[in-house]
Amino acid sequence: MDMQTVTQKLKNGQYENAKEFESDVRQIFFNCEKFNPRGDFVWLMGQEYKKLFEGLWAGKSDWTAQHAPPSQPQSPASTPEFEEEEEDEVEDEEPNVKAIQEQIAALSAQIGDLA
């Protein structure tokens, strides 16, 4: 797993949820630690990137709470309105994907600055 693959998967909408994205990013860190000797430049950059990611990821819940659309009372499942609300929810998820893409781009730029 590498950042290019994660970025491509984000652009193609291949992540079903944030957990899948997080898992792939953490796999990058795992691979970096496993295949590079401790103290090596690549290993050290992996550690820096991991710290940066951890800090940003810790703020995910706060960011989501601040940017989440206001909750609305739910309709019974038997009404046609329920189907329309489900479609709206899918559209509302799109800005979250874009925000994650922007965070990935920012992280990638910061890693480039560190190298």
PDB file of N, CA and C in Angstrom:
ATOM      1  N   MET A   1       0.847  -1.181   0.000  1.00  0.00           N
ATOM      2  CA  MET A   1       0.000   0.000   0.000  1.00  0.00           C
ATOM      3  C   MET A   1       0.885   1.234   0.000  1.00  0.00           C
ATOM      4  N   ASP A   2       0.482   2.241  -0.763  1.00  0.00           N
ATOM      5  CA  ASP A   2       1.241   3.482  -0.842  1.00  0.00           C
ATOM      6  C   ASP A   2       0.267   4.652  -1.002  1.00  0.00           C
ATOM      7  N   MET A   3       0.771   5.869  -0.834  1.00  0.00           N
ATOM      8  CA  MET A   3      -0.091   7.052  -0.891  1.00  0.00           C
ATOM      9  C   MET A   3      -0.734   7.235  -2.264  1.00  0.00           C
ATOM     10  N   GLN A   4      -0.036   6.876  -3.320  1.00  0.00           N
ATOM     11  CA  GLN A   4      -0.616   7.015  -4.656  1.00  0.00           C
ATOM     12  C   GLN A   4      -1.852   6.125  -4.784  1.00  0.00           C
ATOM     13  N   THR A   5      -1.771   4.916  -4.262  1.00  0.00           N
ATOM     14  CA  THR A   5      -2.914   3.994  -4.316  1.00  0.00           C
ATOM     15  C   THR A   5      -4.073   4.542  -3.484  1.00  0.00           C
ATOM     16  N   VAL A   6      -3.770   5.033  -2.289  1.00  0.00           N
ATOM     17  CA  VAL A   6      -4.816   5.597  -1.423  1.00  0.00           C
ATOM     18  C   VAL A   6      -5.477   6.783  -2.115  1.00  0.00           C
ATOM     19  N   THR A   7      -4.672   7.655  -2.690  1.00  0.00           N
ATOM     20  CA  THR A   7      -5.217   8.826  -3.382  1.00  0.00           C
ATOM     21  C   THR A   7      -6.102   8.412  -4.554  1.00  0.00           C
ATOM     22  N   GLN A   8      -5.652   7.437  -5.317  1.00  0.00           N
ATOM     23  CA  GLN A   8      -6.436   6.964  -6.469  1.00  0.00           C
ATOM     24  C   GLN A   8      -7.755   6.345  -6.005  1.00  0.00           C
ATOM     25  N   LYS A   9      -7.690   5.563  -4.926  1.00  0.00           N
ATOM     26  CA  LYS A   9      -8.916   4.954  -4.404  1.00  0.00           C
ATOM     27  C   LYS A   9      -9.893   6.024  -3.924  1.00  0.00           C
ATOM     28  N   LEU A  10      -9.374   7.096  -3.335  1.00  0.00           N
ATOM     29  CA  LEU A  10     -10.240   8.202  -2.925  1.00  0.00           C
ATOM     30  C   LEU A  10     -10.892   8.859  -4.133  1.00  0.00           C
ATOM     31  N   LYS A  11     -10.088   9.142  -5.133  1.00  0.00           N
ATOM     32  CA  LYS A  11     -10.611   9.806  -6.341  1.00  0.00           C
ATOM     33  C   LYS A  11     -11.657   8.951  -7.046  1.00  0.00           C
ATOM     34  N   ASN A  12     -11.474   7.630  -7.008  1.00  0.00           N
ATOM     35  CA  ASN A  12     -12.401   6.719  -7.684  1.00  0.00           C
ATOM     36  C   ASN A  12     -13.585   6.312  -6.813  1.00  0.00           C
ATOM     37  N   GLY A  13     -13.643   6.831  -5.594  1.00  0.00           N
ATOM     38  CA  GLY A  13     -14.757   6.508  -4.706  1.00  0.00           C
ATOM     39  C   GLY A  13     -14.781   5.048  -4.282  1.00  0.00           C
ATOM     40  N   GLN A  14     -13.602   4.453  -4.130  1.00  0.00           N
ATOM     41  CA  GLN A  14     -13.531   3.029  -3.803  1.00  0.00           C
ATOM     42  C   GLN A  14     -13.649   2.747  -2.307  1.00  0.00           C
ATOM     43  N   TYR A  15     -13.581   3.758  -1.481  1.00  0.00           N
ATOM     44  CA  TYR A  15     -13.713   3.541  -0.037  1.00  0.00           C
ATOM     45  C   TYR A  15     -15.193   3.611   0.345  1.00  0.00           C
ATOM     46  N   GLU A  16     -15.647   2.578   1.018  1.00  0.00           N
ATOM     47  CA  GLU A  16     -17.038   2.540   1.477  1.00  0.00           C
ATOM     48  C   GLU A  16     -17.222   3.414   2.714  1.00  0.00           C
ATOM     49  N   ASN A  17     -16.148   3.558   3.510  1.00  0.00           N
ATOM     50  CA  ASN A  17     -16.243   4.326   4.742  1.00  0.00           C
ATOM     51  C   ASN A  17     -14.852   4.771   5.187  1.00  0.00           C
ATOM     52  N   ALA A  18     -14.825   5.580   6.218  1.00  0.00           N
ATOM     53  CA  ALA A  18     -13.559   6.123   6.717  1.00  0.00           C
ATOM     54  C   ALA A  18     -12.661   5.032   7.282  1.00  0.00           C
ATOM     55  N   LYS A  19     -13.237   3.973   7.823  1.00  0.00           N
ATOM     56  CA  LYS A  19     -12.441   2.870   8.382  1.00  0.00           C
ATOM     57  C   LYS A  19     -11.569   2.221   7.317  1.00  0.00           C
ATOM     58  N   GLU A  20     -12.099   2.043   6.119  1.00  0.00           N
ATOM     59  CA  GLU A  20     -11.319   1.449   5.027  1.00  0.00           C
ATOM     60  C   GLU A  20     -10.143   2.351   4.668  1.00  0.00           C
ATOM     61  N   PHE A  21     -10.411   3.641   4.590  1.00  0.00           N
ATOM     62  CA  PHE A  21      -9.350   4.598   4.300  1.00  0.00           C
ATOM     63  C   PHE A  21      -8.283   4.551   5.397  1.00  0.00           C
ATOM     64  N   GLU A  22      -8.717   4.602   6.632  1.00  0.00           N
ATOM     65  CA  GLU A  22      -7.789   4.566   7.764  1.00  0.00           C
ATOM     66  C   GLU A  22      -6.943   3.297   7.742  1.00  0.00           C
ATOM     67  N   SER A  23      -7.563   2.187   7.443  1.00  0.00           N
ATOM     68  CA  SER A  23      -6.850   0.912   7.393  1.00  0.00           C
ATOM     69  C   SER A  23      -5.742   0.936   6.348  1.00  0.00           C
ATOM     70  N   ASP A  24      -6.028   1.475   5.174  1.00  0.00           N
ATOM     71  CA  ASP A  24      -5.015   1.546   4.123  1.00  0.00           C
ATOM     72  C   ASP A  24      -3.860   2.464   4.529  1.00  0.00           C
ATOM     73  N   VAL A  25      -4.180   3.603   5.120  1.00  0.00           N
ATOM     74  CA  VAL A  25      -3.123   4.527   5.538  1.00  0.00           C
ATOM     75  C   VAL A  25      -2.263   3.882   6.626  1.00  0.00           C
ATOM     76  N   ARG A  26      -2.898   3.211   7.567  1.00  0.00           N
ATOM     77  CA  ARG A  26      -2.126   2.545   8.627  1.00  0.00           C
ATOM     78  C   ARG A  26      -1.280   1.403   8.056  1.00  0.00           C
ATOM     79  N   GLN A  27      -1.732   0.792   6.974  1.00  0.00           N
ATOM     80  CA  GLN A  27      -0.935  -0.253   6.321  1.00  0.00           C
ATOM     81  C   GLN A  27       0.355   0.340   5.756  1.00  0.00           C
ATOM     82  N   ILE A  28       0.276   1.562   5.269  1.00  0.00           N
ATOM     83  CA  ILE A  28       1.481   2.246   4.782  1.00  0.00           C
ATOM     84  C   ILE A  28       2.495   2.362   5.915  1.00  0.00           C
ATOM     85  N   PHE A  29       2.033   2.788   7.089  1.00  0.00           N
ATOM     86  CA  PHE A  29       2.938   2.935   8.233  1.00  0.00           C
ATOM     87  C   PHE A  29       3.521   1.586   8.646  1.00  0.00           C
ATOM     88  N   PHE A  30       2.666   0.573   8.674  1.00  0.00           N
ATOM     89  CA  PHE A  30       3.129  -0.770   9.053  1.00  0.00           C
ATOM     90  C   PHE A  30       4.220  -1.244   8.095  1.00  0.00           C
ATOM     91  N   ASN A  31       3.966  -1.098   6.798  1.00  0.00           N
ATOM     92  CA  ASN A  31       4.944  -1.525   5.796  1.00  0.00           C
ATOM     93  C   ASN A  31       6.248  -0.738   5.925  1.00  0.00           C
ATOM     94  N   CYS A  32       6.133   0.554   6.181  1.00  0.00           N
ATOM     95  CA  CYS A  32       7.313   1.394   6.323  1.00  0.00           C
ATOM     96  C   CYS A  32       8.180   0.904   7.480  1.00  0.00           C
ATOM     97  N   GLU A  33       7.539   0.568   8.600  1.00  0.00           N
ATOM     98  CA  GLU A  33       8.279   0.090   9.766  1.00  0.00           C
ATOM     99  C   GLU A  33       8.830  -1.315   9.550  1.00  0.00           C
ATOM    100  N   LYS A  34       8.099  -2.135   8.828  1.00  0.00           N
ATOM    101  CA  LYS A  34       8.511  -3.521   8.633  1.00  0.00           C
ATOM    102  C   LYS A  34       9.655  -3.651   7.636  1.00  0.00           C
ATOM    103  N   PHE A  35       9.632  -2.879   6.568  1.00  0.00           N
ATOM    104  CA  PHE A  35      10.579  -3.081   5.477  1.00  0.00           C
ATOM    105  C   PHE A  35      11.741  -2.085   5.446  1.00  0.00           C
ATOM    106  N   ASN A  36      11.808  -1.205   6.434  1.00  0.00           N
ATOM    107  CA  ASN A  36      12.916  -0.257   6.520  1.00  0.00           C
ATOM    108  C   ASN A  36      13.519  -0.330   7.918  1.00  0.00           C
ATOM    109  N   PRO A  37      14.838  -0.368   8.003  1.00  0.00           N
ATOM    110  CA  PRO A  37      15.465  -0.484   9.328  1.00  0.00           C
ATOM    111  C   PRO A  37      15.216   0.757  10.181  1.00  0.00           C
ATOM    112  N   ARG A  38      15.033   0.517  11.456  1.00  0.00           N
ATOM    113  CA  ARG A  38      14.834   1.608  12.413  1.00  0.00           C
ATOM    114  C   ARG A  38      15.989   2.602  12.267  1.00  0.00           C
ATOM    115  N   GLY A  39      15.630   3.885  12.201  1.00  0.00           N
ATOM    116  CA  GLY A  39      16.641   4.923  12.059  1.00  0.00           C
ATOM    117  C   GLY A  39      16.931   5.305  10.616  1.00  0.00           C
ATOM    118  N   ASP A  40      16.541   4.466   9.661  1.00  0.00           N
ATOM    119  CA  ASP A  40      16.708   4.763   8.241  1.00  0.00           C
ATOM    120  C   ASP A  40      15.862   5.992   7.892  1.00  0.00           C
ATOM    121  N   PHE A  41      16.302   6.754   6.883  1.00  0.00           N
ATOM    122  CA  PHE A  41      15.582   7.962   6.486  1.00  0.00           C
ATOM    123  C   PHE A  41      14.112   7.673   6.178  1.00  0.00           C
ATOM    124  N   VAL A  42      13.852   6.619   5.419  1.00  0.00           N
ATOM    125  CA  VAL A  42      12.470   6.277   5.051  1.00  0.00           C
ATOM    126  C   VAL A  42      11.679   5.928   6.306  1.00  0.00           C
ATOM    127  N   TRP A  43      12.290   5.170   7.210  1.00  0.00           N
ATOM    128  CA  TRP A  43      11.620   4.790   8.470  1.00  0.00           C
ATOM    129  C   TRP A  43      11.286   6.051   9.267  1.00  0.00           C
ATOM    130  N   LEU A  44      12.250   6.981   9.363  1.00  0.00           N
ATOM    131  CA  LEU A  44      12.033   8.221  10.113  1.00  0.00           C
ATOM    132  C   LEU A  44      10.927   9.075   9.489  1.00  0.00           C
ATOM    133  N   MET A  45      10.909   9.173   8.169  1.00  0.00           N
ATOM    134  CA  MET A  45       9.855   9.947   7.499  1.00  0.00           C
ATOM    135  C   MET A  45       8.496   9.288   7.712  1.00  0.00           C
ATOM    136  N   GLY A  46       8.484   7.958   7.717  1.00  0.00           N
ATOM    137  CA  GLY A  46       7.248   7.230   8.010  1.00  0.00           C
ATOM    138  C   GLY A  46       6.721   7.559   9.394  1.00  0.00           C
ATOM    139  N   GLN A  47       7.627   7.674  10.358  1.00  0.00           N
ATOM    140  CA  GLN A  47       7.236   8.022  11.730  1.00  0.00           C
ATOM    141  C   GLN A  47       6.677   9.440  11.792  1.00  0.00           C
ATOM    142  N   GLU A  48       7.317  10.353  11.069  1.00  0.00           N
ATOM    143  CA  GLU A  48       6.829  11.736  11.041  1.00  0.00           C
ATOM    144  C   GLU A  48       5.433  11.804  10.414  1.00  0.00           C
ATOM    145  N   TYR A  49       5.275  11.099   9.317  1.00  0.00           N
ATOM    146  CA  TYR A  49       3.992  11.080   8.628  1.00  0.00           C
ATOM    147  C   TYR A  49       2.923  10.449   9.520  1.00  0.00           C
ATOM    148  N   LYS A  50       3.293   9.396  10.221  1.00  0.00           N
ATOM    149  CA  LYS A  50       2.361   8.722  11.127  1.00  0.00           C
ATOM    150  C   LYS A  50       1.897   9.679  12.224  1.00  0.00           C
ATOM    151  N   LYS A  51       2.819  10.438  12.808  1.00  0.00           N
ATOM    152  CA  LYS A  51       2.455  11.417  13.844  1.00  0.00           C
ATOM    153  C   LYS A  51       1.501  12.464  13.279  1.00  0.00           C
ATOM    154  N   LEU A  52       1.816  12.939  12.091  1.00  0.00           N
ATOM    155  CA  LEU A  52       0.968  13.935  11.446  1.00  0.00           C
ATOM    156  C   LEU A  52      -0.434  13.378  11.205  1.00  0.00           C
ATOM    157  N   PHE A  53      -0.484  12.163  10.672  1.00  0.00           N
ATOM    158  CA  PHE A  53      -1.779  11.525  10.412  1.00  0.00           C
ATOM    159  C   PHE A  53      -2.562  11.340  11.710  1.00  0.00           C
ATOM    160  N   GLU A  54      -1.891  10.842  12.746  1.00  0.00           N
ATOM    161  CA  GLU A  54      -2.553  10.604  14.036  1.00  0.00           C
ATOM    162  C   GLU A  54      -3.175  11.893  14.571  1.00  0.00           C
ATOM    163  N   GLY A  55      -2.444  12.988  14.453  1.00  0.00           N
ATOM    164  CA  GLY A  55      -2.966  14.264  14.923  1.00  0.00           C
ATOM    165  C   GLY A  55      -4.193  14.703  14.151  1.00  0.00           C
ATOM    166  N   LEU A  56      -4.128  14.572  12.835  1.00  0.00           N
ATOM    167  CA  LEU A  56      -5.281  14.954  12.013  1.00  0.00           C
ATOM    168  C   LEU A  56      -6.452  14.004  12.220  1.00  0.00           C
ATOM    169  N   TRP A  57      -6.150  12.720  12.309  1.00  0.00           N
ATOM    170  CA  TRP A  57      -7.220  11.722  12.451  1.00  0.00           C
ATOM    171  C   TRP A  57      -7.925  11.871  13.797  1.00  0.00           C
ATOM    172  N   ALA A  58      -7.186  12.271  14.823  1.00  0.00           N
ATOM    173  CA  ALA A  58      -7.789  12.476  16.145  1.00  0.00           C
ATOM    174  C   ALA A  58      -8.843  13.577  16.098  1.00  0.00           C
ATOM    175  N   GLY A  59      -8.675  14.533  15.198  1.00  0.00           N
ATOM    176  CA  GLY A  59      -9.638  15.618  15.069  1.00  0.00           C
ATOM    177  C   GLY A  59     -10.793  15.314  14.134  1.00  0.00           C
ATOM    178  N   LYS A  60     -10.837  14.096  13.591  1.00  0.00           N
ATOM    179  CA  LYS A  60     -11.878  13.734  12.621  1.00  0.00           C
ATOM    180  C   LYS A  60     -13.272  13.856  13.216  1.00  0.00           C
ATOM    181  N   SER A  61     -13.459  13.381  14.429  1.00  0.00           N
ATOM    182  CA  SER A  61     -14.788  13.420  15.048  1.00  0.00           C
ATOM    183  C   SER A  61     -15.265  14.851  15.248  1.00  0.00           C
ATOM    184  N   ASP A  62     -14.357  15.715  15.707  1.00  0.00           N
ATOM    185  CA  ASP A  62     -14.725  17.120  15.893  1.00  0.00           C
ATOM    186  C   ASP A  62     -15.073  17.769  14.557  1.00  0.00           C
ATOM    187  N   TRP A  63     -14.246  17.497  13.535  1.00  0.00           N
ATOM    188  CA  TRP A  63     -14.493  18.074  12.225  1.00  0.00           C
ATOM    189  C   TRP A  63     -15.844  17.598  11.687  1.00  0.00           C
ATOM    190  N   THR A  64     -16.105  16.311  11.821  1.00  0.00           N
ATOM    191  CA  THR A  64     -17.364  15.747  11.326  1.00  0.00           C
ATOM    192  C   THR A  64     -18.548  16.377  12.049  1.00  0.00           C
ATOM    193  N   ALA A  65     -18.418  16.541  13.364  1.00  0.00           N
ATOM    194  CA  ALA A  65     -19.507  17.148  14.133  1.00  0.00           C
ATOM    195  C   ALA A  65     -19.760  18.585  13.693  1.00  0.00           C
ATOM    196  N   GLN A  66     -18.710  19.313  13.381  1.00  0.00           N
ATOM    197  CA  GLN A  66     -18.859  20.709  12.961  1.00  0.00           C
ATOM    198  C   GLN A  66     -19.417  20.836  11.551  1.00  0.00           C
ATOM    199  N   HIS A  67     -19.166  19.851  10.707  1.00  0.00           N
ATOM    200  CA  HIS A  67     -19.569  19.945   9.303  1.00  0.00           C
ATOM    201  C   HIS A  67     -20.746  19.045   8.927  1.00  0.00           C
ATOM    202  N   ALA A  68     -21.259  18.324   9.884  1.00  0.00           N
ATOM    203  CA  ALA A  68     -22.384  17.423   9.601  1.00  0.00           C
ATOM    204  C   ALA A  68     -23.646  18.243   9.355  1.00  0.00           C
ATOM    205  N   PRO A  69     -24.456  17.801   8.414  1.00  0.00           N
ATOM    206  CA  PRO A  69     -25.721  18.506   8.189  1.00  0.00           C
ATOM    207  C   PRO A  69     -26.621  18.325   9.413  1.00  0.00           C
ATOM    208  N   PRO A  70     -27.488  19.287   9.669  1.00  0.00           N
ATOM    209  CA  PRO A  70     -28.375  19.163  10.828  1.00  0.00           C
ATOM    210  C   PRO A  70     -29.264  17.930  10.692  1.00  0.00           C
ATOM    211  N   SER A  71     -29.468  17.257  11.793  1.00  0.00           N
ATOM    212  CA  SER A  71     -30.306  16.053  11.744  1.00  0.00           C
ATOM    213  C   SER A  71     -31.763  16.456  11.620  1.00  0.00           C
ATOM    214  N   GLN A  72     -32.490  15.599  10.920  1.00  0.00           N
ATOM    215  CA  GLN A  72     -33.908  15.843  10.696  1.00  0.00           C
ATOM    216  C   GLN A  72     -34.676  14.642  11.220  1.00  0.00           C
ATOM    217  N   PRO A  73     -35.921  14.861  11.629  1.00  0.00           N
ATOM    218  CA  PRO A  73     -36.708  13.713  12.085  1.00  0.00           C
ATOM    219  C   PRO A  73     -36.839  12.688  10.961  1.00  0.00           C
ATOM    220  N   GLN A  74     -36.734  11.425  11.315  1.00  0.00           N
ATOM    221  CA  GLN A  74     -36.823  10.383  10.300  1.00  0.00           C
ATOM    222  C   GLN A  74     -38.277  10.027  10.018  1.00  0.00           C
ATOM    223  N   SER A  75     -38.544   9.765   8.754  1.00  0.00           N
ATOM    224  CA  SER A  75     -39.870   9.359   8.323  1.00  0.00           C
ATOM    225  C   SER A  75     -39.989   7.849   8.443  1.00  0.00           C
ATOM    226  N   PRO A  76     -41.200   7.348   8.580  1.00  0.00           N
ATOM    227  CA  PRO A  76     -41.356   5.888   8.559  1.00  0.00           C
ATOM    228  C   PRO A  76     -40.870   5.324   7.229  1.00  0.00           C
ATOM    229  N   ALA A  77     -40.337   4.127   7.252  1.00  0.00           N
ATOM    230  CA  ALA A  77     -39.755   3.513   6.055  1.00  0.00           C
ATOM    231  C   ALA A  77     -40.779   3.276   4.957  1.00  0.00           C
ATOM    232  N   SER A  78     -42.050   3.256   5.290  1.00  0.00           N
ATOM    233  CA  SER A  78     -43.064   2.937   4.289  1.00  0.00           C
ATOM    234  C   SER A  78     -43.452   4.128   3.421  1.00  0.00           C
ATOM    235  N   THR A  79     -43.001   5.338   3.767  1.00  0.00           N
ATOM    236  CA  THR A  79     -43.401   6.497   2.972  1.00  0.00           C
ATOM    237  C   THR A  79     -42.412   6.741   1.842  1.00  0.00           C
ATOM    238  N   PRO A  80     -42.865   7.312   0.727  1.00  0.00           N
ATOM    239  CA  PRO A  80     -41.969   7.622  -0.385  1.00  0.00           C
ATOM    240  C   PRO A  80     -40.900   8.641   0.004  1.00  0.00           C
ATOM    241  N   GLU A  81     -41.210   9.504   1.002  1.00  0.00           N
ATOM    242  CA  GLU A  81     -40.241  10.505   1.435  1.00  0.00           C
ATOM    243  C   GLU A  81     -38.966   9.847   1.947  1.00  0.00           C
ATOM    244  N   PHE A  82     -39.087   8.676   2.551  1.00  0.00           N
ATOM    245  CA  PHE A  82     -37.929   7.972   3.104  1.00  0.00           C
ATOM    246  C   PHE A  82     -36.910   7.681   2.020  1.00  0.00           C
ATOM    247  N   GLU A  83     -37.362   7.265   0.866  1.00  0.00           N
ATOM    248  CA  GLU A  83     -36.451   6.964  -0.236  1.00  0.00           C
ATOM    249  C   GLU A  83     -35.717   8.225  -0.687  1.00  0.00           C
ATOM    250  N   GLU A  84     -36.409   9.359  -0.719  1.00  0.00           N
ATOM    251  CA  GLU A  84     -35.778  10.607  -1.115  1.00  0.00           C
ATOM    252  C   GLU A  84     -34.718  11.007  -0.102  1.00  0.00           C
ATOM    253  N   GLU A  85     -34.980  10.817   1.201  1.00  0.00           N
ATOM    254  CA  GLU A  85     -34.016  11.162   2.232  1.00  0.00           C
ATOM    255  C   GLU A  85     -32.756  10.324   2.095  1.00  0.00           C
ATOM    256  N   GLU A  86     -32.901   9.044   1.755  1.00  0.00           N
ATOM    257  CA  GLU A  86     -31.728   8.192   1.580  1.00  0.00           C
ATOM    258  C   GLU A  86     -30.849   8.719   0.464  1.00  0.00           C
ATOM    259  N   GLU A  87     -31.447   9.183  -0.628  1.00  0.00           N
ATOM    260  CA  GLU A  87     -30.680   9.739  -1.738  1.00  0.00           C
ATOM    261  C   GLU A  87     -29.946  10.991  -1.297  1.00  0.00           C
ATOM    262  N   ASP A  88     -30.606  11.837  -0.496  1.00  0.00           N
ATOM    263  CA  ASP A  88     -29.975  13.049   0.009  1.00  0.00           C
ATOM    264  C   ASP A  88     -28.771  12.715   0.874  1.00  0.00           C
ATOM    265  N   GLU A  89     -28.866  11.672   1.691  1.00  0.00           N
ATOM    266  CA  GLU A  89     -27.765  11.285   2.575  1.00  0.00           C
ATOM    267  C   GLU A  89     -26.544  10.879   1.773  1.00  0.00           C
ATOM    268  N   VAL A  90     -26.735  10.181   0.665  1.00  0.00           N
ATOM    269  CA  VAL A  90     -25.615   9.778  -0.170  1.00  0.00           C
ATOM    270  C   VAL A  90     -24.935  11.017  -0.741  1.00  0.00           C
ATOM    271  N   GLU A  91     -25.715  12.005  -1.170  1.00  0.00           N
ATOM    272  CA  GLU A  91     -25.146  13.231  -1.702  1.00  0.00           C
ATOM    273  C   GLU A  91     -24.382  13.992  -0.625  1.00  0.00           C
ATOM    274  N   ASP A  92     -24.868  13.963   0.638  1.00  0.00           N
ATOM    275  CA  ASP A  92     -24.209  14.663   1.731  1.00  0.00           C
ATOM    276  C   ASP A  92     -22.851  14.053   2.061  1.00  0.00           C
ATOM    277  N   GLU A  93     -22.643  12.779   1.758  1.00  0.00           N
ATOM    278  CA  GLU A  93     -21.369  12.127   2.052  1.00  0.00           C
ATOM    279  C   GLU A  93     -20.268  12.608   1.116  1.00  0.00           C
ATOM    280  N   GLU A  94     -20.628  13.108  -0.058  1.00  0.00           N
ATOM    281  CA  GLU A  94     -19.654  13.533  -1.044  1.00  0.00           C
ATOM    282  C   GLU A  94     -18.708  14.606  -0.518  1.00  0.00           C
ATOM    283  N   PRO A  95     -19.185  15.643   0.204  1.00  0.00           N
ATOM    284  CA  PRO A  95     -18.255  16.642   0.732  1.00  0.00           C
ATOM    285  C   PRO A  95     -17.243  16.028   1.707  1.00  0.00           C
ATOM    286  N   ASN A  96     -17.627  14.993   2.462  1.00  0.00           N
ATOM    287  CA  ASN A  96     -16.690  14.360   3.380  1.00  0.00           C
ATOM    288  C   ASN A  96     -15.556  13.711   2.612  1.00  0.00           C
ATOM    289  N   VAL A  97     -15.832  13.084   1.486  1.00  0.00           N
ATOM    290  CA  VAL A  97     -14.795  12.462   0.670  1.00  0.00           C
ATOM    291  C   VAL A  97     -13.853  13.543   0.146  1.00  0.00           C
ATOM    292  N   LYS A  98     -14.427  14.654  -0.291  1.00  0.00           N
ATOM    293  CA  LYS A  98     -13.598  15.750  -0.789  1.00  0.00           C
ATOM    294  C   LYS A  98     -12.713  16.298   0.325  1.00  0.00           C
ATOM    295  N   ALA A  99     -13.245  16.398   1.527  1.00  0.00           N
ATOM    296  CA  ALA A  99     -12.455  16.892   2.650  1.00  0.00           C
ATOM    297  C   ALA A  99     -11.306  15.942   2.957  1.00  0.00           C
ATOM    298  N   ILE A 100     -11.563  14.658   2.883  1.00  0.00           N
ATOM    299  CA  ILE A 100     -10.509  13.673   3.115  1.00  0.00           C
ATOM    300  C   ILE A 100      -9.456  13.777   2.020  1.00  0.00           C
ATOM    301  N   GLN A 101      -9.890  13.965   0.783  1.00  0.00           N
ATOM    302  CA  GLN A 101      -8.945  14.126  -0.321  1.00  0.00           C
ATOM    303  C   GLN A 101      -8.065  15.353  -0.101  1.00  0.00           C
ATOM    304  N   GLU A 102      -8.674  16.431   0.390  1.00  0.00           N
ATOM    305  CA  GLU A 102      -7.900  17.647   0.654  1.00  0.00           C
ATOM    306  C   GLU A 102      -6.890  17.398   1.772  1.00  0.00           C
ATOM    307  N   GLN A 103      -7.291  16.635   2.795  1.00  0.00           N
ATOM    308  CA  GLN A 103      -6.367  16.328   3.889  1.00  0.00           C
ATOM    309  C   GLN A 103      -5.211  15.478   3.387  1.00  0.00           C
ATOM    310  N   ILE A 104      -5.494  14.514   2.514  1.00  0.00           N
ATOM    311  CA  ILE A 104      -4.446  13.658   1.953  1.00  0.00           C
ATOM    312  C   ILE A 104      -3.467  14.517   1.148  1.00  0.00           C
ATOM    313  N   ALA A 105      -4.000  15.433   0.357  1.00  0.00           N
ATOM    314  CA  ALA A 105      -3.131  16.297  -0.441  1.00  0.00           C
ATOM    315  C   ALA A 105      -2.251  17.146   0.470  1.00  0.00           C
ATOM    316  N   ALA A 106      -2.830  17.664   1.553  1.00  0.00           N
ATOM    317  CA  ALA A 106      -2.054  18.470   2.497  1.00  0.00           C
ATOM    318  C   ALA A 106      -0.978  17.626   3.172  1.00  0.00           C
ATOM    319  N   LEU A 107      -1.332  16.414   3.567  1.00  0.00           N
ATOM    320  CA  LEU A 107      -0.356  15.517   4.189  1.00  0.00           C
ATOM    321  C   LEU A 107       0.767  15.190   3.218  1.00  0.00           C
ATOM    322  N   SER A 108       0.420  14.912   1.981  1.00  0.00           N
ATOM    323  CA  SER A 108       1.426  14.596   0.980  1.00  0.00           C
ATOM    324  C   SER A 108       2.372  15.773   0.760  1.00  0.00           C
ATOM    325  N   ALA A 109       1.825  16.973   0.738  1.00  0.00           N
ATOM    326  CA  ALA A 109       2.662  18.164   0.565  1.00  0.00           C
ATOM    327  C   ALA A 109       3.594  18.338   1.756  1.00  0.00           C
ATOM    328  N   GLN A 110       3.077  18.099   2.961  1.00  0.00           N
ATOM    329  CA  GLN A 110       3.916  18.220   4.140  1.00  0.00           C
ATOM    330  C   GLN A 110       5.018  17.182   4.151  1.00  0.00           C
ATOM    331  N   ILE A 111       4.719  15.977   3.678  1.00  0.00           N
ATOM    332  CA  ILE A 111       5.741  14.941   3.608  1.00  0.00           C
ATOM    333  C   ILE A 111       6.813  15.351   2.597  1.00  0.00           C
ATOM    334  N   GLY A 112       6.381  15.912   1.493  1.00  0.00           N
ATOM    335  CA  GLY A 112       7.342  16.380   0.502  1.00  0.00           C
ATOM    336  C   GLY A 112       8.247  17.455   1.076  1.00  0.00           C
ATOM    337  N   ASP A 113       7.701  18.314   1.917  1.00  0.00           N
ATOM    338  CA  ASP A 113       8.504  19.352   2.561  1.00  0.00           C
ATOM    339  C   ASP A 113       9.515  18.756   3.530  1.00  0.00           C
ATOM    340  N   LEU A 114       9.164  17.660   4.166  1.00  0.00           N
ATOM    341  CA  LEU A 114      10.060  17.017   5.124  1.00  0.00           C
ATOM    342  C   LEU A 114      11.221  16.316   4.435  1.00  0.00           C
ATOM    343  N   ALA A 115      10.986  15.829   3.224  1.00  0.00           N
ATOM    344  CA  ALA A 115      12.017  15.052   2.509  1.00  0.00           C
ATOM    345  C   ALA A 115      13.116  15.877   1.964  1.00  0.00           C
TER     346      ALA A 115
END
